[in-house]
């Protein structure tokens, strides 16, 4: 399969605008497209909390719905990772099953706190499928060079506080897109691993200053140019608003980074 990000962006654009047009038509039914503000932490083991400005038990605005892109790996556009044994894991830096590849890059821990938007309470038991490109901007299972790998993909069930944690690497900036991480939320782990009944599909954006620092390190040279050619305001996904999808990121290149985002669904 040819690794063609330009083709992928056209696919994304058509899918994104089609979905958002449908959502806008349903706006009167009370659908909301703004996520809760990101939370903060300094350790991957620290439990994150929701937006402090929202009272406990108060309804929240749901995370914006976004395209899954051309490389979802949930069976909707090709190979299905979700139904494979081993996909439920916290450490997604390695491939699983018969694949053995390891994704290289600056360490990144991703903490997502899943909230029930209708009640403002944590959503324990909800499951998250998370995936993103590698240091070279390639997606496992799709990009030709890593089509036999399935790293940087995994599923986790939320704990009692609605928290899911993934150990990963910092993704590249590839041509035409701002650095991002894809995720889907399912009501249960069983629902996620059968690739059905998802609640929402969205994307997490990474802060510019952190991206600039990471891309100055070894292995990310292509991302320097790509980042310079893209902004959040020009990105096809985030240009209509990214504040509620922008993660709070702490850490450094040597010790790794921690990204946190609260996700009302």
C-alpha atoms as a PDB file:
ATOM      1  CA  UNK A   1       0.000   0.000   0.000  1.00  0.00           C
ATOM      2  CA  UNK A   2       1.349   3.449  -0.873  1.00  0.00           C
ATOM      3  CA  UNK A   3       1.854   5.786   2.064  1.00  0.00           C
ATOM      4  CA  UNK A   4       0.194   8.965   0.758  1.00  0.00           C
ATOM      5  CA  UNK A   5      -0.641  11.624   3.318  1.00  0.00           C
ATOM      6  CA  UNK A   6      -2.016  13.970   0.664  1.00  0.00           C
ATOM      7  CA  UNK A   7      -4.579  11.369  -0.287  1.00  0.00           C
ATOM      8  CA  UNK A   8      -5.340  10.856   3.348  1.00  0.00           C
ATOM      9  CA  UNK A   9      -5.990  14.553   3.911  1.00  0.00           C
ATOM     10  CA  UNK A  10      -8.522  14.660   1.104  1.00  0.00           C
ATOM     11  CA  UNK A  11     -10.234  11.684   2.673  1.00  0.00           C
ATOM     12  CA  UNK A  12     -10.169  13.437   6.056  1.00  0.00           C
ATOM     13  CA  UNK A  13     -11.545  16.678   4.642  1.00  0.00           C
ATOM     14  CA  UNK A  14     -14.531  15.072   2.980  1.00  0.00           C
ATOM     15  CA  UNK A  15     -15.293  12.984   6.050  1.00  0.00           C
ATOM     16  CA  UNK A  16     -14.831  15.864   8.479  1.00  0.00           C
ATOM     17  CA  UNK A  17     -17.026  18.360   6.661  1.00  0.00           C
ATOM     18  CA  UNK A  18     -19.693  15.756   6.029  1.00  0.00           C
ATOM     19  CA  UNK A  19     -19.866  14.866   9.712  1.00  0.00           C
ATOM     20  CA  UNK A  20     -19.810  18.455  10.913  1.00  0.00           C
ATOM     21  CA  UNK A  21     -22.509  19.485   8.484  1.00  0.00           C
ATOM     22  CA  UNK A  22     -24.714  16.737   9.858  1.00  0.00           C
ATOM     23  CA  UNK A  23     -23.978  17.822  13.409  1.00  0.00           C
ATOM     24  CA  UNK A  24     -24.777  21.450  12.618  1.00  0.00           C
ATOM     25  CA  UNK A  25     -28.152  20.437  11.263  1.00  0.00           C
ATOM     26  CA  UNK A  26     -28.874  18.743  14.552  1.00  0.00           C
ATOM     27  CA  UNK A  27     -27.701  21.678  16.628  1.00  0.00           C
ATOM     28  CA  UNK A  28     -31.216  22.442  17.778  1.00  0.00           C
ATOM     29  CA  UNK A  29     -31.405  19.033  19.401  1.00  0.00           C
ATOM     30  CA  UNK A  30     -28.858  20.127  21.944  1.00  0.00           C
ATOM     31  CA  UNK A  31     -25.676  18.659  20.480  1.00  0.00           C
ATOM     32  CA  UNK A  32     -22.647  20.609  21.679  1.00  0.00           C
ATOM     33  CA  UNK A  33     -19.242  20.757  20.071  1.00  0.00           C
ATOM     34  CA  UNK A  34     -16.976  22.111  22.778  1.00  0.00           C
ATOM     35  CA  UNK A  35     -14.950  19.992  25.183  1.00  0.00           C
ATOM     36  CA  UNK A  36     -14.126  20.586  28.822  1.00  0.00           C
ATOM     37  CA  UNK A  37     -10.858  22.435  29.377  1.00  0.00           C
ATOM     38  CA  UNK A  38      -7.750  20.231  29.784  1.00  0.00           C
ATOM     39  CA  UNK A  39      -6.537  19.234  33.235  1.00  0.00           C
ATOM     40  CA  UNK A  40      -3.002  19.169  34.564  1.00  0.00           C
ATOM     41  CA  UNK A  41      -0.637  16.768  36.276  1.00  0.00           C
ATOM     42  CA  UNK A  42       3.090  16.274  36.649  1.00  0.00           C
ATOM     43  CA  UNK A  43       3.132  12.500  36.783  1.00  0.00           C
ATOM     44  CA  UNK A  44       1.609   9.735  34.734  1.00  0.00           C
ATOM     45  CA  UNK A  45       0.444   8.106  37.977  1.00  0.00           C
ATOM     46  CA  UNK A  46      -1.439  11.192  39.160  1.00  0.00           C
ATOM     47  CA  UNK A  47      -5.207  11.107  38.739  1.00  0.00           C
ATOM     48  CA  UNK A  48      -6.437  14.066  36.719  1.00  0.00           C
ATOM     49  CA  UNK A  49      -9.593  15.986  37.475  1.00  0.00           C
ATOM     50  CA  UNK A  50     -12.094  17.884  35.379  1.00  0.00           C
ATOM     51  CA  UNK A  51     -12.324  21.605  34.768  1.00  0.00           C
ATOM     52  CA  UNK A  52     -12.243  23.289  38.168  1.00  0.00           C
ATOM     53  CA  UNK A  53     -14.709  25.933  36.969  1.00  0.00           C
ATOM     54  CA  UNK A  54     -17.424  23.323  36.499  1.00  0.00           C
ATOM     55  CA  UNK A  55     -19.242  22.308  39.659  1.00  0.00           C
ATOM     56  CA  UNK A  56     -19.344  18.586  40.404  1.00  0.00           C
ATOM     57  CA  UNK A  57     -22.507  17.079  39.007  1.00  0.00           C
ATOM     58  CA  UNK A  58     -23.090  19.915  36.520  1.00  0.00           C
ATOM     59  CA  UNK A  59     -23.594  19.080  32.842  1.00  0.00           C
ATOM     60  CA  UNK A  60     -20.543  19.577  30.602  1.00  0.00           C
ATOM     61  CA  UNK A  61     -20.168  20.346  26.924  1.00  0.00           C
ATOM     62  CA  UNK A  62     -19.124  17.290  24.936  1.00  0.00           C
ATOM     63  CA  UNK A  63     -15.751  16.950  23.219  1.00  0.00           C
ATOM     64  CA  UNK A  64     -15.974  17.971  19.534  1.00  0.00           C
ATOM     65  CA  UNK A  65     -16.583  15.127  17.125  1.00  0.00           C
ATOM     66  CA  UNK A  66     -13.778  14.733  14.574  1.00  0.00           C
ATOM     67  CA  UNK A  67     -12.857  12.475  11.697  1.00  0.00           C
ATOM     68  CA  UNK A  68     -11.083   9.205  12.504  1.00  0.00           C
ATOM     69  CA  UNK A  69      -8.922   9.833   9.460  1.00  0.00           C
ATOM     70  CA  UNK A  70      -7.852   7.322   6.800  1.00  0.00           C
ATOM     71  CA  UNK A  71      -5.850   5.132   9.216  1.00  0.00           C
ATOM     72  CA  UNK A  72      -8.225   4.271  12.101  1.00  0.00           C
ATOM     73  CA  UNK A  73      -7.490   0.555  12.461  1.00  0.00           C
ATOM     74  CA  UNK A  74     -10.978  -0.193  13.785  1.00  0.00           C
ATOM     75  CA  UNK A  75     -12.067  -1.998  10.652  1.00  0.00           C
ATOM     76  CA  UNK A  76     -13.949   0.987   9.215  1.00  0.00           C
ATOM     77  CA  UNK A  77     -11.335   1.628   6.529  1.00  0.00           C
ATOM     78  CA  UNK A  78      -9.250  -1.527   6.351  1.00  0.00           C
ATOM     79  CA  UNK A  79      -7.538  -3.783   8.907  1.00  0.00           C
ATOM     80  CA  UNK A  80      -9.114  -4.086  12.356  1.00  0.00           C
ATOM     81  CA  UNK A  81      -6.854  -3.893  15.400  1.00  0.00           C
ATOM     82  CA  UNK A  82      -9.665  -3.781  17.947  1.00  0.00           C
ATOM     83  CA  UNK A  83     -10.726  -7.398  17.605  1.00  0.00           C
ATOM     84  CA  UNK A  84      -7.158  -8.745  17.891  1.00  0.00           C
ATOM     85  CA  UNK A  85      -5.949 -10.381  21.080  1.00  0.00           C
ATOM     86  CA  UNK A  86      -3.498  -8.112  22.877  1.00  0.00           C
ATOM     87  CA  UNK A  87      -4.918  -4.740  21.882  1.00  0.00           C
ATOM     88  CA  UNK A  88      -6.047  -4.035  25.461  1.00  0.00           C
ATOM     89  CA  UNK A  89      -2.880  -2.580  26.986  1.00  0.00           C
ATOM     90  CA  UNK A  90      -1.487   0.582  28.503  1.00  0.00           C
ATOM     91  CA  UNK A  91       1.958   0.487  26.861  1.00  0.00           C
ATOM     92  CA  UNK A  92       1.432   1.013  23.131  1.00  0.00           C
ATOM     93  CA  UNK A  93       5.071   1.592  22.178  1.00  0.00           C
ATOM     94  CA  UNK A  94       5.408  -2.017  21.000  1.00  0.00           C
ATOM     95  CA  UNK A  95       3.464  -4.105  18.518  1.00  0.00           C
ATOM     96  CA  UNK A  96       1.455  -7.080  19.771  1.00  0.00           C
ATOM     97  CA  UNK A  97       0.470 -10.517  18.538  1.00  0.00           C
ATOM     98  CA  UNK A  98       2.775 -11.801  15.797  1.00  0.00           C
ATOM     99  CA  UNK A  99       4.271  -8.327  15.189  1.00  0.00           C
ATOM    100  CA  UNK A 100       7.387  -7.305  17.097  1.00  0.00           C
ATOM    101  CA  UNK A 101       8.221  -3.707  16.165  1.00  0.00           C
ATOM    102  CA  UNK A 102       8.981  -0.978  18.698  1.00  0.00           C
ATOM    103  CA  UNK A 103       8.184   2.686  18.069  1.00  0.00           C
ATOM    104  CA  UNK A 104      11.147   4.941  18.797  1.00  0.00           C
ATOM    105  CA  UNK A 105      10.832   8.519  19.970  1.00  0.00           C
ATOM    106  CA  UNK A 106      10.591  10.875  22.942  1.00  0.00           C
ATOM    107  CA  UNK A 107       8.463   9.203  25.660  1.00  0.00           C
ATOM    108  CA  UNK A 108       4.914  10.515  26.045  1.00  0.00           C
ATOM    109  CA  UNK A 109       2.311   9.430  28.585  1.00  0.00           C
ATOM    110  CA  UNK A 110      -1.259  10.314  27.637  1.00  0.00           C
ATOM    111  CA  UNK A 111      -3.888  10.701  30.375  1.00  0.00           C
ATOM    112  CA  UNK A 112      -7.507  11.105  29.300  1.00  0.00           C
ATOM    113  CA  UNK A 113     -10.199  11.667  31.918  1.00  0.00           C
ATOM    114  CA  UNK A 114     -13.540  10.519  30.519  1.00  0.00           C
ATOM    115  CA  UNK A 115     -16.570  12.348  31.884  1.00  0.00           C
ATOM    116  CA  UNK A 116     -20.302  11.871  31.427  1.00  0.00           C
ATOM    117  CA  UNK A 117     -21.268  15.175  29.796  1.00  0.00           C
ATOM    118  CA  UNK A 118     -24.903  14.870  30.883  1.00  0.00           C
ATOM    119  CA  UNK A 119     -24.059  14.650  34.581  1.00  0.00           C
ATOM    120  CA  UNK A 120     -20.565  16.124  34.900  1.00  0.00           C
ATOM    121  CA  UNK A 121     -19.453  12.982  36.730  1.00  0.00           C
ATOM    122  CA  UNK A 122     -16.601  10.604  35.941  1.00  0.00           C
ATOM    123  CA  UNK A 123     -17.388   7.810  33.489  1.00  0.00           C
ATOM    124  CA  UNK A 124     -15.822   4.676  35.011  1.00  0.00           C
ATOM    125  CA  UNK A 125     -15.769   1.657  32.744  1.00  0.00           C
ATOM    126  CA  UNK A 126     -15.809   3.652  29.522  1.00  0.00           C
ATOM    127  CA  UNK A 127     -13.176   2.390  27.097  1.00  0.00           C
ATOM    128  CA  UNK A 128     -10.817   4.416  24.924  1.00  0.00           C
ATOM    129  CA  UNK A 129      -9.156   3.306  21.700  1.00  0.00           C
ATOM    130  CA  UNK A 130      -6.154   5.586  21.101  1.00  0.00           C
ATOM    131  CA  UNK A 131      -3.788   5.708  18.109  1.00  0.00           C
ATOM    132  CA  UNK A 132      -1.371   8.042  16.348  1.00  0.00           C
ATOM    133  CA  UNK A 133       1.519   8.160  13.889  1.00  0.00           C
ATOM    134  CA  UNK A 134       5.121   7.305  14.746  1.00  0.00           C
ATOM    135  CA  UNK A 135       8.241   9.474  14.777  1.00  0.00           C
ATOM    136  CA  UNK A 136       8.389   9.342  10.983  1.00  0.00           C
ATOM    137  CA  UNK A 137       4.739  10.285  10.482  1.00  0.00           C
ATOM    138  CA  UNK A 138       3.730   6.729   9.572  1.00  0.00           C
ATOM    139  CA  UNK A 139       0.691   4.818  10.808  1.00  0.00           C
ATOM    140  CA  UNK A 140       1.044   1.163  11.690  1.00  0.00           C
ATOM    141  CA  UNK A 141      -1.110  -1.266   9.691  1.00  0.00           C
ATOM    142  CA  UNK A 142      -1.417   1.271   6.841  1.00  0.00           C
ATOM    143  CA  UNK A 143       1.829   3.043   5.915  1.00  0.00           C
ATOM    144  CA  UNK A 144       3.894   0.820   3.641  1.00  0.00           C
ATOM    145  CA  UNK A 145       7.029   0.791   5.811  1.00  0.00           C
ATOM    146  CA  UNK A 146       5.116  -0.304   8.929  1.00  0.00           C
ATOM    147  CA  UNK A 147       2.128  -2.118   7.448  1.00  0.00           C
ATOM    148  CA  UNK A 148       3.092  -5.315   9.300  1.00  0.00           C
ATOM    149  CA  UNK A 149       3.236  -3.520  12.677  1.00  0.00           C
ATOM    150  CA  UNK A 150       0.411  -2.503  15.019  1.00  0.00           C
ATOM    151  CA  UNK A 151       2.238  -0.331  17.540  1.00  0.00           C
ATOM    152  CA  UNK A 152       0.909   3.019  18.762  1.00  0.00           C
ATOM    153  CA  UNK A 153      -2.579   1.529  19.002  1.00  0.00           C
ATOM    154  CA  UNK A 154      -4.288   0.331  22.160  1.00  0.00           C
ATOM    155  CA  UNK A 155      -7.400   0.162  24.296  1.00  0.00           C
ATOM    156  CA  UNK A 156      -7.873   0.918  27.984  1.00  0.00           C
ATOM    157  CA  UNK A 157     -10.914   0.917  30.288  1.00  0.00           C
ATOM    158  CA  UNK A 158     -11.381   3.952  32.547  1.00  0.00           C
ATOM    159  CA  UNK A 159     -10.834   3.512  36.282  1.00  0.00           C
ATOM    160  CA  UNK A 160     -13.204   4.756  38.988  1.00  0.00           C
ATOM    161  CA  UNK A 161     -12.155   8.350  38.292  1.00  0.00           C
ATOM    162  CA  UNK A 162     -12.710   8.012  34.553  1.00  0.00           C
ATOM    163  CA  UNK A 163      -8.961   7.969  33.879  1.00  0.00           C
ATOM    164  CA  UNK A 164      -7.201   6.031  31.123  1.00  0.00           C
ATOM    165  CA  UNK A 165      -3.421   6.125  30.695  1.00  0.00           C
ATOM    166  CA  UNK A 166      -1.305   5.207  27.686  1.00  0.00           C
ATOM    167  CA  UNK A 167       2.485   4.969  27.535  1.00  0.00           C
ATOM    168  CA  UNK A 168       3.584   6.050  24.066  1.00  0.00           C
ATOM    169  CA  UNK A 169       5.999   8.262  22.120  1.00  0.00           C
ATOM    170  CA  UNK A 170       5.612  11.817  20.880  1.00  0.00           C
ATOM    171  CA  UNK A 171       4.075  11.718  17.370  1.00  0.00           C
ATOM    172  CA  UNK A 172       5.551  13.446  14.337  1.00  0.00           C
ATOM    173  CA  UNK A 173       4.199  16.429  12.473  1.00  0.00           C
ATOM    174  CA  UNK A 174       3.511  15.191   8.976  1.00  0.00           C
ATOM    175  CA  UNK A 175       2.680  17.292   5.935  1.00  0.00           C
ATOM    176  CA  UNK A 176      -0.612  19.156   6.181  1.00  0.00           C
ATOM    177  CA  UNK A 177      -1.544  18.285   9.768  1.00  0.00           C
ATOM    178  CA  UNK A 178      -0.862  19.753  13.182  1.00  0.00           C
ATOM    179  CA  UNK A 179       0.613  17.194  15.660  1.00  0.00           C
ATOM    180  CA  UNK A 180      -2.316  15.226  17.044  1.00  0.00           C
ATOM    181  CA  UNK A 181      -3.534  12.004  18.626  1.00  0.00           C
ATOM    182  CA  UNK A 182      -6.716  10.180  17.619  1.00  0.00           C
ATOM    183  CA  UNK A 183      -9.085   8.513  20.055  1.00  0.00           C
ATOM    184  CA  UNK A 184     -12.513   6.922  20.204  1.00  0.00           C
ATOM    185  CA  UNK A 185     -14.646   6.429  23.325  1.00  0.00           C
ATOM    186  CA  UNK A 186     -16.852   3.369  23.830  1.00  0.00           C
ATOM    187  CA  UNK A 187     -19.337   2.711  26.651  1.00  0.00           C
ATOM    188  CA  UNK A 188     -17.583  -0.514  27.705  1.00  0.00           C
ATOM    189  CA  UNK A 189     -14.413  -2.488  27.082  1.00  0.00           C
ATOM    190  CA  UNK A 190     -16.467  -5.205  25.396  1.00  0.00           C
ATOM    191  CA  UNK A 191     -17.920  -2.595  23.065  1.00  0.00           C
ATOM    192  CA  UNK A 192     -14.472  -1.313  22.136  1.00  0.00           C
ATOM    193  CA  UNK A 193     -12.980  -4.721  21.410  1.00  0.00           C
ATOM    194  CA  UNK A 194     -15.894  -5.600  19.156  1.00  0.00           C
ATOM    195  CA  UNK A 195     -15.407  -2.303  17.270  1.00  0.00           C
ATOM    196  CA  UNK A 196     -19.018  -1.220  17.664  1.00  0.00           C
ATOM    197  CA  UNK A 197     -21.283   1.265  19.432  1.00  0.00           C
ATOM    198  CA  UNK A 198     -18.693   4.003  19.916  1.00  0.00           C
ATOM    199  CA  UNK A 199     -19.840   7.140  21.698  1.00  0.00           C
ATOM    200  CA  UNK A 200     -17.544   9.623  19.989  1.00  0.00           C
ATOM    201  CA  UNK A 201     -14.449  10.057  17.846  1.00  0.00           C
ATOM    202  CA  UNK A 202     -12.137  12.997  18.451  1.00  0.00           C
ATOM    203  CA  UNK A 203      -8.536  14.229  18.375  1.00  0.00           C
ATOM    204  CA  UNK A 204      -6.109  15.707  20.885  1.00  0.00           C
ATOM    205  CA  UNK A 205      -3.866  18.608  19.834  1.00  0.00           C
ATOM    206  CA  UNK A 206      -0.347  19.053  21.198  1.00  0.00           C
ATOM    207  CA  UNK A 207       0.986  22.499  22.260  1.00  0.00           C
ATOM    208  CA  UNK A 208       3.264  24.373  19.854  1.00  0.00           C
ATOM    209  CA  UNK A 209       6.079  25.105  22.314  1.00  0.00           C
ATOM    210  CA  UNK A 210       6.391  21.467  23.335  1.00  0.00           C
ATOM    211  CA  UNK A 211       6.328  20.308  19.719  1.00  0.00           C
ATOM    212  CA  UNK A 212       9.118  22.728  18.825  1.00  0.00           C
ATOM    213  CA  UNK A 213      11.272  21.399  21.667  1.00  0.00           C
ATOM    214  CA  UNK A 214      10.654  17.740  20.876  1.00  0.00           C
ATOM    215  CA  UNK A 215      11.270  18.148  17.162  1.00  0.00           C
ATOM    216  CA  UNK A 216      14.691  19.651  17.852  1.00  0.00           C
ATOM    217  CA  UNK A 217      15.756  16.254  19.266  1.00  0.00           C
ATOM    218  CA  UNK A 218      17.166  13.288  17.346  1.00  0.00           C
ATOM    219  CA  UNK A 219      14.877  11.500  14.921  1.00  0.00           C
ATOM    220  CA  UNK A 220      12.340  14.272  14.342  1.00  0.00           C
ATOM    221  CA  UNK A 221      14.102  16.324  11.655  1.00  0.00           C
ATOM    222  CA  UNK A 222      11.241  15.982   9.120  1.00  0.00           C
ATOM    223  CA  UNK A 223       8.789  17.309  11.696  1.00  0.00           C
ATOM    224  CA  UNK A 224      10.667  20.614  11.991  1.00  0.00           C
ATOM    225  CA  UNK A 225       9.799  21.550   8.409  1.00  0.00           C
ATOM    226  CA  UNK A 226       6.256  20.204   8.580  1.00  0.00           C
ATOM    227  CA  UNK A 227       5.477  22.057  11.818  1.00  0.00           C
ATOM    228  CA  UNK A 228       6.768  25.312  10.321  1.00  0.00           C
ATOM    229  CA  UNK A 229       4.317  24.929   7.419  1.00  0.00           C
ATOM    230  CA  UNK A 230       1.225  24.306   9.571  1.00  0.00           C
ATOM    231  CA  UNK A 231      -0.618  26.141  12.339  1.00  0.00           C
ATOM    232  CA  UNK A 232      -3.590  25.300  14.501  1.00  0.00           C
ATOM    233  CA  UNK A 233      -5.557  27.969  12.661  1.00  0.00           C
ATOM    234  CA  UNK A 234      -4.784  26.401   9.279  1.00  0.00           C
ATOM    235  CA  UNK A 235      -5.126  22.758  10.310  1.00  0.00           C
ATOM    236  CA  UNK A 236      -8.172  21.168   8.649  1.00  0.00           C
ATOM    237  CA  UNK A 237      -9.401  19.655  11.929  1.00  0.00           C
ATOM    238  CA  UNK A 238      -8.539  22.251  14.560  1.00  0.00           C
ATOM    239  CA  UNK A 239      -8.983  25.510  12.644  1.00  0.00           C
ATOM    240  CA  UNK A 240     -12.610  25.916  13.757  1.00  0.00           C
ATOM    241  CA  UNK A 241     -11.539  25.804  17.422  1.00  0.00           C
ATOM    242  CA  UNK A 242      -9.038  23.777  19.384  1.00  0.00           C
ATOM    243  CA  UNK A 243      -9.061  25.158  22.931  1.00  0.00           C
ATOM    244  CA  UNK A 244     -11.087  22.259  24.314  1.00  0.00           C
ATOM    245  CA  UNK A 245      -8.897  19.696  22.557  1.00  0.00           C
ATOM    246  CA  UNK A 246      -5.513  21.196  23.407  1.00  0.00           C
ATOM    247  CA  UNK A 247      -3.768  18.982  25.962  1.00  0.00           C
ATOM    248  CA  UNK A 248      -1.842  20.317  28.927  1.00  0.00           C
ATOM    249  CA  UNK A 249       1.674  18.909  28.611  1.00  0.00           C
ATOM    250  CA  UNK A 250       4.461  18.818  31.199  1.00  0.00           C
ATOM    251  CA  UNK A 251       7.915  17.242  31.302  1.00  0.00           C
ATOM    252  CA  UNK A 252      10.994  17.306  29.091  1.00  0.00           C
ATOM    253  CA  UNK A 253      12.812  15.456  26.338  1.00  0.00           C
ATOM    254  CA  UNK A 254      15.104  13.494  28.659  1.00  0.00           C
ATOM    255  CA  UNK A 255      12.490  12.346  31.182  1.00  0.00           C
ATOM    256  CA  UNK A 256       9.558  12.269  28.785  1.00  0.00           C
ATOM    257  CA  UNK A 257       6.314  14.221  28.646  1.00  0.00           C
ATOM    258  CA  UNK A 258       2.846  13.806  30.168  1.00  0.00           C
ATOM    259  CA  UNK A 259      -0.207  15.016  28.260  1.00  0.00           C
ATOM    260  CA  UNK A 260      -3.559  15.487  30.004  1.00  0.00           C
ATOM    261  CA  UNK A 261      -7.003  16.140  28.597  1.00  0.00           C
ATOM    262  CA  UNK A 262     -10.485  15.967  30.098  1.00  0.00           C
ATOM    263  CA  UNK A 263     -12.955  14.375  27.672  1.00  0.00           C
ATOM    264  CA  UNK A 264     -16.703  14.851  28.334  1.00  0.00           C
ATOM    265  CA  UNK A 265     -18.804  12.548  26.171  1.00  0.00           C
END
